C-alpha atoms as a PDB file:
ATOM      1  CA  MET A   1     -71.776 -16.953  45.650  1.00  0.00           C
ATOM      2  CA  ALA A   2     -68.677 -15.891  47.505  1.00  0.00           C
ATOM      3  CA  VAL A   3     -67.283 -14.372  44.302  1.00  0.00           C
ATOM      4  CA  LEU A   4     -70.435 -12.280  43.885  1.00  0.00           C
ATOM      5  CA  ALA A   5     -70.205 -11.057  47.489  1.00  0.00           C
ATOM      6  CA  LEU A   6     -66.560 -10.145  47.032  1.00  0.00           C
ATOM      7  CA  ALA A   7     -67.373  -8.282  43.824  1.00  0.00           C
ATOM      8  CA  LEU A   8     -70.069  -6.253  45.598  1.00  0.00           C
ATOM      9  CA  VAL A   9     -67.728  -5.388  48.441  1.00  0.00           C
ATOM     10  CA  LEU A  10     -65.030  -4.269  46.032  1.00  0.00           C
ATOM     11  CA  ALA A  11     -67.517  -2.287  43.969  1.00  0.00           C
ATOM     12  CA  GLY A  12     -68.589  -0.444  47.129  1.00  0.00           C
ATOM     13  CA  CYS A  13     -64.974   0.576  47.769  1.00  0.00           C
ATOM     14  CA  GLY A  14     -64.803   2.244  44.415  1.00  0.00           C
ATOM     15  CA  SER A  15     -67.536   4.733  45.254  1.00  0.00           C
ATOM     16  CA  GLU A  16     -65.731   6.162  48.286  1.00  0.00           C
ATOM     17  CA  ALA A  17     -63.938   9.408  47.824  1.00  0.00           C
ATOM     18  CA  GLY A  18     -60.186   9.284  48.191  1.00  0.00           C
ATOM     19  CA  PRO A  19     -58.078  11.829  49.921  1.00  0.00           C
ATOM     20  CA  THR A  20     -58.664  15.421  48.909  1.00  0.00           C
ATOM     21  CA  PRO A  21     -55.647  16.960  47.214  1.00  0.00           C
ATOM     22  CA  LYS A  22     -54.173  19.749  49.279  1.00  0.00           C
ATOM     23  CA  GLY A  23     -52.484  22.911  48.170  1.00  0.00           C
ATOM     24  CA  GLY A  24     -52.503  23.765  44.534  1.00  0.00           C
ATOM     25  CA  GLY A  25     -50.783  26.265  42.389  1.00  0.00           C
ATOM     26  CA  GLU A  26     -47.142  26.144  41.398  1.00  0.00           C
ATOM     27  CA  VAL A  27     -44.708  24.184  43.568  1.00  0.00           C
ATOM     28  CA  ALA A  28     -41.487  25.982  44.413  1.00  0.00           C
ATOM     29  CA  THR A  29     -38.485  24.601  42.597  1.00  0.00           C
ATOM     30  CA  ASP A  30     -35.087  24.364  44.149  1.00  0.00           C
ATOM     31  CA  PRO A  31     -32.026  25.292  42.052  1.00  0.00           C
ATOM     32  CA  ALA A  32     -30.740  21.690  41.976  1.00  0.00           C
ATOM     33  CA  ALA A  33     -34.023  20.438  40.438  1.00  0.00           C
ATOM     34  CA  LEU A  34     -33.900  23.182  37.785  1.00  0.00           C
ATOM     35  CA  ALA A  35     -30.242  22.378  37.063  1.00  0.00           C
ATOM     36  CA  THR A  36     -31.205  18.731  36.488  1.00  0.00           C
ATOM     37  CA  LYS A  37     -34.008  19.703  34.112  1.00  0.00           C
ATOM     38  CA  LEU A  38     -31.680  21.984  32.178  1.00  0.00           C
ATOM     39  CA  ARG A  39     -29.097  19.186  31.915  1.00  0.00           C
ATOM     40  CA  VAL A  40     -31.730  16.985  30.278  1.00  0.00           C
ATOM     41  CA  TYR A  41     -32.822  19.716  27.895  1.00  0.00           C
ATOM     42  CA  THR A  42     -29.254  20.413  26.835  1.00  0.00           C
ATOM     43  CA  ALA A  43     -28.725  16.785  25.910  1.00  0.00           C
ATOM     44  CA  ASP A  44     -31.616  16.962  23.401  1.00  0.00           C
ATOM     45  CA  THR A  45     -30.699  17.223  19.707  1.00  0.00           C
ATOM     46  CA  CYS A  46     -33.064  20.235  19.448  1.00  0.00           C
ATOM     47  CA  PHE A  47     -30.486  21.957  21.699  1.00  0.00           C
ATOM     48  CA  THR A  48     -27.251  20.454  20.387  1.00  0.00           C
ATOM     49  CA  ALA A  49     -28.027  20.803  16.651  1.00  0.00           C
ATOM     50  CA  PRO A  50     -31.122  22.974  16.251  1.00  0.00           C
ATOM     51  CA  GLU A  51     -30.443  23.981  12.661  1.00  0.00           C
ATOM     52  CA  GLN A  52     -30.329  20.310  11.619  1.00  0.00           C
ATOM     53  CA  GLN A  53     -33.671  19.352  13.167  1.00  0.00           C
ATOM     54  CA  ALA A  54     -37.090  19.353  11.601  1.00  0.00           C
ATOM     55  CA  PRO A  55     -38.765  22.127  13.647  1.00  0.00           C
ATOM     56  CA  LYS A  56     -41.885  19.948  13.895  1.00  0.00           C
ATOM     57  CA  GLY A  57     -39.814  17.331  15.722  1.00  0.00           C
ATOM     58  CA  CYS A  58     -38.898  19.802  18.439  1.00  0.00           C
ATOM     59  CA  ALA A  59     -42.493  20.673  19.385  1.00  0.00           C
ATOM     60  CA  LYS A  60     -42.463  18.681  22.649  1.00  0.00           C
ATOM     61  CA  TYR A  61     -39.056  20.053  23.594  1.00  0.00           C
ATOM     62  CA  VAL A  62     -40.256  23.634  23.042  1.00  0.00           C
ATOM     63  CA  THR A  63     -43.473  22.986  25.003  1.00  0.00           C
ATOM     64  CA  GLU A  64     -41.463  21.631  27.950  1.00  0.00           C
ATOM     65  CA  LEU A  65     -39.167  24.665  27.845  1.00  0.00           C
ATOM     66  CA  GLY A  66     -42.210  26.954  27.864  1.00  0.00           C
ATOM     67  CA  GLY A  67     -43.242  25.309  31.103  1.00  0.00           C
ATOM     68  CA  THR A  68     -39.774  25.859  32.551  1.00  0.00           C
ATOM     69  CA  VAL A  69     -39.906  29.656  32.304  1.00  0.00           C
ATOM     70  CA  GLY A  70     -41.804  29.871  35.609  1.00  0.00           C
ATOM     71  CA  MET A  71     -39.227  27.688  37.306  1.00  0.00           C
ATOM     72  CA  VAL A  72     -36.495  30.040  36.121  1.00  0.00           C
ATOM     73  CA  ARG A  73     -38.423  33.058  37.408  1.00  0.00           C
ATOM     74  CA  GLN A  74     -38.635  31.394  40.844  1.00  0.00           C
ATOM     75  CA  GLN A  75     -34.827  31.620  41.041  1.00  0.00           C
ATOM     76  CA  VAL A  76     -34.759  35.389  40.516  1.00  0.00           C
ATOM     77  CA  SER A  77     -33.361  37.201  43.515  1.00  0.00           C
ATOM     78  CA  ALA A  78     -31.383  40.273  44.338  1.00  0.00           C
ATOM     79  CA  LYS A  79     -28.297  38.145  43.787  1.00  0.00           C
ATOM     80  CA  HIS A  80     -29.525  36.866  40.406  1.00  0.00           C
ATOM     81  CA  PRO A  81     -31.724  39.532  38.830  1.00  0.00           C
ATOM     82  CA  ASN A  82     -30.442  38.649  35.340  1.00  0.00           C
ATOM     83  CA  LEU A  83     -32.478  35.455  35.403  1.00  0.00           C
ATOM     84  CA  ASN A  84     -35.642  37.498  34.874  1.00  0.00           C
ATOM     85  CA  ALA A  85     -34.294  38.880  31.554  1.00  0.00           C
ATOM     86  CA  LEU A  86     -33.110  35.409  30.535  1.00  0.00           C
ATOM     87  CA  ALA A  87     -36.544  33.944  31.350  1.00  0.00           C
ATOM     88  CA  ASP A  88     -38.137  36.715  29.281  1.00  0.00           C
ATOM     89  CA  ALA A  89     -35.851  35.851  26.342  1.00  0.00           C
ATOM     90  CA  LEU A  90     -36.751  32.155  26.527  1.00  0.00           C
ATOM     91  CA  ASP A  91     -40.452  32.997  26.793  1.00  0.00           C
ATOM     92  CA  LYS A  92     -40.204  35.301  23.763  1.00  0.00           C
ATOM     93  CA  ASN A  93     -38.395  32.655  21.683  1.00  0.00           C
ATOM     94  CA  VAL A  94     -40.912  29.952  22.594  1.00  0.00           C
ATOM     95  CA  ALA A  95     -43.701  32.353  21.633  1.00  0.00           C
ATOM     96  CA  ALA A  96     -41.956  33.043  18.313  1.00  0.00           C
ATOM     97  CA  TYR A  97     -41.793  29.284  17.601  1.00  0.00           C
ATOM     98  CA  ARG A  98     -45.511  28.968  18.293  1.00  0.00           C
ATOM     99  CA  ALA A  99     -46.510  32.109  16.374  1.00  0.00           C
ATOM    100  CA  ALA A 100     -44.666  30.914  13.286  1.00  0.00           C
ATOM    101  CA  GLN A 101     -46.366  27.518  13.602  1.00  0.00           C
ATOM    102  CA  CYS A 102     -43.005  25.807  13.600  1.00  0.00           C
ATOM    103  CA  ASP A 103     -44.621  22.684  15.036  1.00  0.00           C
ATOM    104  CA  ALA A 104     -45.941  22.048  11.500  1.00  0.00           C
ATOM    105  CA  VAL A 105     -42.676  22.749   9.616  1.00  0.00           C
ATOM    106  CA  GLU A 106     -41.101  19.463   8.482  1.00  0.00           C
ATOM    107  CA  ALA A 107     -37.777  20.663   6.970  1.00  0.00           C
ATOM    108  CA  PRO A 108     -34.811  22.331   8.638  1.00  0.00           C
ATOM    109  CA  GLY A 109     -33.115  25.387   7.224  1.00  0.00           C
ATOM    110  CA  ASN A 110     -35.858  28.010   7.429  1.00  0.00           C
ATOM    111  CA  PRO A 111     -36.813  30.788   9.862  1.00  0.00           C
ATOM    112  CA  CYS A 112     -37.973  28.146  12.375  1.00  0.00           C
ATOM    113  CA  SER A 113     -34.411  26.782  12.493  1.00  0.00           C
ATOM    114  CA  ALA A 114     -33.198  30.212  13.521  1.00  0.00           C
ATOM    115  CA  THR A 115     -35.910  30.291  16.199  1.00  0.00           C
ATOM    116  CA  LEU A 116     -34.735  26.917  17.497  1.00  0.00           C
ATOM    117  CA  ARG A 117     -31.182  28.337  17.624  1.00  0.00           C
ATOM    118  CA  ALA A 118     -32.432  31.331  19.630  1.00  0.00           C
ATOM    119  CA  ILE A 119     -34.243  28.957  22.021  1.00  0.00           C
ATOM    120  CA  ALA A 120     -31.039  26.909  22.437  1.00  0.00           C
ATOM    121  CA  ASP A 121     -29.019  30.055  23.122  1.00  0.00           C
ATOM    122  CA  SER A 122     -31.548  31.140  25.780  1.00  0.00           C
ATOM    123  CA  VAL A 123     -31.417  27.735  27.458  1.00  0.00           C
ATOM    124  CA  ARG A 124     -27.584  27.788  27.370  1.00  0.00           C
ATOM    125  CA  ASP A 125     -27.512  31.239  29.032  1.00  0.00           C
ATOM    126  CA  ILE A 126     -29.985  30.166  31.761  1.00  0.00           C
ATOM    127  CA  LYS A 127     -28.133  26.937  32.381  1.00  0.00           C
ATOM    128  CA  GLN A 128     -24.851  28.787  32.819  1.00  0.00           C
ATOM    129  CA  VAL A 129     -26.329  31.068  35.471  1.00  0.00           C
ATOM    130  CA  ILE A 130     -28.088  28.209  37.263  1.00  0.00           C
ATOM    131  CA  ASP A 131     -24.999  25.976  37.231  1.00  0.00           C
ATOM    132  CA  THR A 132     -22.416  28.570  38.205  1.00  0.00           C
ATOM    133  CA  GLN A 133     -24.243  31.078  40.379  1.00  0.00           C
ATOM    134  CA  ILE A 134     -27.023  29.115  42.049  1.00  0.00           C
ATOM    135  CA  ALA A 135     -26.440  25.388  42.116  1.00  0.00           C
ATOM    136  CA  ASN A 136     -22.754  25.822  43.014  1.00  0.00           C
ATOM    137  CA  GLY A 137     -23.178  28.581  45.539  1.00  0.00           C
END
């Protein structure tokens, strides 16, 4: 009987609404957080050896980079206006990967490999700016 009473009490707790999420929208990213993300991305084999990867195997990497474009744009300032052009280049290269349906290409050495190289070059350029001009002063 006590077990049944406890089960009813616990079941009642489940119907209560929890705290309401506050805010919404995109959270501002500080340069150090972006630098950390870029360090992780540049350790990926899709960055270090893009021409040797099956483009299909880099789909998650490319998707994550697509989500990083907004973080890069948040760092644009009068002091770092070139980040906007670099974010545009990354966005364009991610779009090219998607448009060519590279996420379905299983063999390296095709136009998708060149697209992965262009993505890696964009990430390298962004990382250089973030590391040298923002994260370090």
